[in-house]
């Protein structure tokens, strides 16, 4: 949406986002994907680690793991077949279902039948507006409790159709929701205003 409205590229060189950080100007093989995902491709054949400058802020490995503080050089594991990708703290990342093969309007991508899986990373407030008007927001301003962890104040899911409940999955906490409204988790509120009838929120604990 930002690319369409304001011309901001989807793949962004680091100086565009961090003009005041000198290391950003010499980083030639890392980039941002959108405003909140940092990508560090593995370019050396056979390498299983990757060393790079991580931009300022708090960053979470996209597929699970402890947060890293940025504005420094870090070395991370990079198994063959995996690309190190990090989400900025506070990122709200709505995804289409794994069965969707196109971004063109279809019952699977728009309207009342739309389904989203939303990945949420703890930290500062975050907000995403989709082209179809769906809005996802993480609001911590009025909720100063513990960080988002497995102690979310929601019950365990007892059925696949239950709303506002949690399921542990691969080290993350999945919050199942249906309809629209606000869900209070430990220290944060997650809001969504959507035409979607089903939303799965994949919670990334600290």
Protein backbone atom coordinates (compact mmCIF):
# COMPACT_ATOMS: atom_id res chain seq x y z
CA UNK A 1 0.00 0.00 0.00
CA UNK A 2 2.84 2.42 0.84
CA UNK A 3 4.56 1.56 -2.43
CA UNK A 4 1.38 2.24 -4.39
CA UNK A 5 0.48 5.48 -2.61
CA UNK A 6 3.86 7.06 -1.89
CA UNK A 7 6.35 5.31 -4.14
CA UNK A 8 8.29 3.75 -1.28
CA UNK A 9 9.93 0.58 -2.64
CA UNK A 10 9.06 -2.81 -1.19
CA UNK A 11 12.78 -3.67 -0.95
CA UNK A 12 14.54 -0.77 0.77
CA UNK A 13 18.22 0.01 1.07
CA UNK A 14 19.12 0.64 4.70
CA UNK A 15 20.09 4.34 4.26
CA UNK A 16 16.48 5.03 3.27
CA UNK A 17 15.27 3.94 6.71
CA UNK A 18 18.34 4.74 8.83
CA UNK A 19 19.98 7.81 7.25
CA UNK A 20 21.66 8.84 10.51
CA UNK A 21 23.42 5.49 11.05
CA UNK A 22 26.82 5.39 9.34
CA UNK A 23 26.92 1.55 9.00
CA UNK A 24 23.69 1.68 7.00
CA UNK A 25 25.50 3.50 4.21
CA UNK A 26 28.08 0.73 3.77
CA UNK A 27 25.68 -2.21 4.06
CA UNK A 28 25.54 -3.58 0.52
CA UNK A 29 23.86 -6.96 0.90
CA UNK A 30 21.16 -6.49 3.57
CA UNK A 31 17.86 -4.65 3.16
CA UNK A 32 14.41 -3.98 4.57
CA UNK A 33 11.39 -5.75 3.12
CA UNK A 34 8.70 -3.17 3.74
CA UNK A 35 9.15 -1.00 6.83
CA UNK A 36 9.50 -3.76 9.44
CA UNK A 37 11.32 -6.83 8.09
CA UNK A 38 15.13 -6.91 7.96
CA UNK A 39 16.67 -9.45 5.57
CA UNK A 40 20.26 -10.70 5.60
CA UNK A 41 20.74 -13.12 2.66
CA UNK A 42 23.45 -15.76 2.87
CA UNK A 43 25.79 -15.15 -0.07
CA UNK A 44 28.72 -17.47 0.72
CA UNK A 45 28.32 -21.02 -0.55
CA UNK A 46 28.09 -23.53 2.26
CA UNK A 47 27.97 -20.91 5.01
CA UNK A 48 25.86 -21.78 8.06
CA UNK A 49 26.25 -18.46 9.90
CA UNK A 50 25.78 -14.85 8.82
CA UNK A 51 27.45 -11.73 10.25
CA UNK A 52 25.92 -8.32 9.56
CA UNK A 53 25.10 -4.92 11.06
CA UNK A 54 21.64 -4.99 12.62
CA UNK A 55 19.85 -1.61 12.52
CA UNK A 56 18.90 0.25 15.72
CA UNK A 57 15.97 -1.10 17.71
CA UNK A 58 14.79 -4.46 18.95
CA UNK A 59 14.44 -7.25 16.38
CA UNK A 60 12.90 -10.73 16.60
CA UNK A 61 13.87 -13.69 14.38
CA UNK A 62 10.87 -14.04 12.09
CA UNK A 63 10.43 -17.75 12.71
CA UNK A 64 11.09 -17.76 16.44
CA UNK A 65 13.86 -17.01 18.89
CA UNK A 66 15.08 -14.45 21.39
CA UNK A 67 15.06 -10.75 20.55
CA UNK A 68 18.28 -9.03 19.48
CA UNK A 69 19.22 -5.43 20.19
CA UNK A 70 20.45 -3.60 17.11
CA UNK A 71 22.88 -0.85 16.16
CA UNK A 72 25.70 -3.38 16.29
CA UNK A 73 27.27 -6.24 14.37
CA UNK A 74 25.77 -9.65 15.12
CA UNK A 75 26.39 -13.22 13.99
CA UNK A 76 23.41 -15.55 13.67
CA UNK A 77 22.82 -19.14 12.66
CA UNK A 78 21.88 -19.58 9.01
CA UNK A 79 21.22 -23.23 8.20
CA UNK A 80 21.34 -24.20 4.53
CA UNK A 81 18.00 -23.32 2.97
CA UNK A 82 17.12 -20.59 5.48
CA UNK A 83 17.50 -16.83 5.12
CA UNK A 84 17.93 -14.77 8.32
CA UNK A 85 14.89 -12.47 8.55
CA UNK A 86 14.02 -10.29 11.54
CA UNK A 87 10.86 -8.43 12.51
CA UNK A 88 11.06 -5.06 14.22
CA UNK A 89 9.54 -5.02 17.74
CA UNK A 90 5.87 -4.07 17.45
CA UNK A 91 5.48 -5.52 13.97
CA UNK A 92 1.98 -6.61 12.97
CA UNK A 93 2.29 -8.88 9.93
CA UNK A 94 -0.97 -10.03 8.27
CA UNK A 95 -0.54 -13.00 5.95
CA UNK A 96 -2.85 -14.76 3.53
CA UNK A 97 -3.53 -18.44 3.98
CA UNK A 98 -0.97 -20.96 2.67
CA UNK A 99 -3.47 -22.12 0.03
CA UNK A 100 -3.66 -18.69 -1.66
CA UNK A 101 -1.78 -18.66 -4.97
CA UNK A 102 -2.61 -15.13 -6.18
CA UNK A 103 -2.97 -11.59 -4.84
CA UNK A 104 -5.76 -10.80 -7.31
CA UNK A 105 -9.20 -10.35 -5.71
CA UNK A 106 -10.71 -13.77 -5.07
CA UNK A 107 -12.95 -15.12 -2.30
CA UNK A 108 -9.75 -16.21 -0.55
CA UNK A 109 -8.14 -12.75 -0.58
CA UNK A 110 -10.97 -10.23 -0.16
CA UNK A 111 -14.46 -9.73 1.13
CA UNK A 112 -16.39 -11.57 3.79
CA UNK A 113 -14.65 -14.87 3.07
CA UNK A 114 -11.13 -13.50 3.55
CA UNK A 115 -8.86 -15.34 5.98
CA UNK A 116 -5.75 -13.85 7.53
CA UNK A 117 -3.03 -15.16 9.77
CA UNK A 118 -1.55 -12.23 11.68
CA UNK A 119 1.91 -12.50 13.26
CA UNK A 120 2.41 -10.08 16.14
CA UNK A 121 5.78 -9.26 17.73
CA UNK A 122 5.93 -7.59 21.16
CA UNK A 123 7.20 -4.08 21.64
CA UNK A 124 6.08 -0.63 20.60
CA UNK A 125 2.72 0.04 18.99
CA UNK A 126 2.31 -1.25 15.47
CA UNK A 127 -0.34 -0.84 12.79
CA UNK A 128 -0.95 -2.22 9.32
CA UNK A 129 -3.57 -1.02 6.81
CA UNK A 130 -4.28 -3.34 3.89
CA UNK A 131 -5.47 -2.10 0.48
CA UNK A 132 -8.91 -3.63 1.07
CA UNK A 133 -9.35 -1.55 4.22
CA UNK A 134 -8.45 -4.20 6.80
CA UNK A 135 -6.64 -2.63 9.76
CA UNK A 136 -4.53 -4.48 12.30
CA UNK A 137 -3.14 -2.64 15.32
CA UNK A 138 -1.09 -3.41 18.43
CA UNK A 139 -1.70 -0.93 21.24
CA UNK A 140 0.40 -0.93 24.41
CA UNK A 141 -0.21 2.67 25.52
CA UNK A 142 -2.77 1.92 28.23
CA UNK A 143 -1.56 -1.55 29.20
CA UNK A 144 1.71 -1.53 31.12
CA UNK A 145 1.70 -5.13 32.31
CA UNK A 146 4.30 -7.77 31.61
CA UNK A 147 5.59 -8.24 28.06
CA UNK A 148 3.62 -10.47 25.75
CA UNK A 149 4.48 -14.00 26.83
CA UNK A 150 2.87 -17.38 27.32
CA UNK A 151 1.01 -15.73 30.21
CA UNK A 152 -1.51 -14.07 27.91
CA UNK A 153 -4.80 -13.55 29.73
CA UNK A 154 -6.76 -15.75 27.35
CA UNK A 155 -7.94 -19.34 27.94
CA UNK A 156 -6.62 -22.39 26.14
CA UNK A 157 -8.70 -23.29 23.09
CA UNK A 158 -11.06 -26.19 23.72
CA UNK A 159 -12.35 -26.39 20.12
CA UNK A 160 -11.28 -25.30 16.65
CA UNK A 161 -14.12 -22.77 16.45
CA UNK A 162 -13.58 -21.09 19.83
CA UNK A 163 -12.90 -17.32 19.73
CA UNK A 164 -10.39 -15.46 21.90
CA UNK A 165 -8.33 -18.43 23.05
CA UNK A 166 -4.73 -19.55 22.71
CA UNK A 167 -2.88 -22.57 21.35
CA UNK A 168 0.85 -23.17 21.80
CA UNK A 169 2.54 -23.99 18.49
CA UNK A 170 6.24 -24.22 17.63
CA UNK A 171 7.31 -21.97 20.48
CA UNK A 172 4.69 -19.34 19.69
CA UNK A 173 1.24 -18.64 21.01
CA UNK A 174 -1.55 -18.69 18.43
CA UNK A 175 -4.58 -16.57 19.29
CA UNK A 176 -7.68 -17.71 17.46
CA UNK A 177 -10.29 -15.02 16.79
CA UNK A 178 -13.48 -14.74 14.79
CA UNK A 179 -15.35 -11.56 13.84
CA UNK A 180 -14.06 -8.14 14.87
CA UNK A 181 -13.15 -6.57 18.18
CA UNK A 182 -10.28 -6.18 20.65
CA UNK A 183 -8.37 -8.86 22.50
CA UNK A 184 -6.47 -8.09 25.69
CA UNK A 185 -3.27 -9.99 26.25
CA UNK A 186 -0.80 -9.53 29.07
CA UNK A 187 0.27 -5.90 28.78
CA UNK A 188 -1.03 -5.22 25.26
CA UNK A 189 -4.23 -5.02 23.27
CA UNK A 190 -4.55 -6.34 19.76
CA UNK A 191 -7.25 -4.67 17.67
CA UNK A 192 -8.47 -5.67 14.25
CA UNK A 193 -11.10 -4.07 12.10
CA UNK A 194 -11.63 -6.30 9.12
CA UNK A 195 -14.07 -7.76 6.65
CA UNK A 196 -12.51 -11.13 7.39
CA UNK A 197 -14.70 -13.72 9.07
CA UNK A 198 -11.71 -15.65 10.40
CA UNK A 199 -8.43 -14.30 11.73
CA UNK A 200 -5.68 -16.40 13.29
CA UNK A 201 -3.18 -14.35 15.27
CA UNK A 202 0.24 -15.95 15.69
CA UNK A 203 1.73 -14.44 18.84
CA UNK A 204 5.53 -14.28 19.09
CA UNK A 205 6.46 -14.47 22.80
CA UNK A 206 9.68 -13.10 24.23
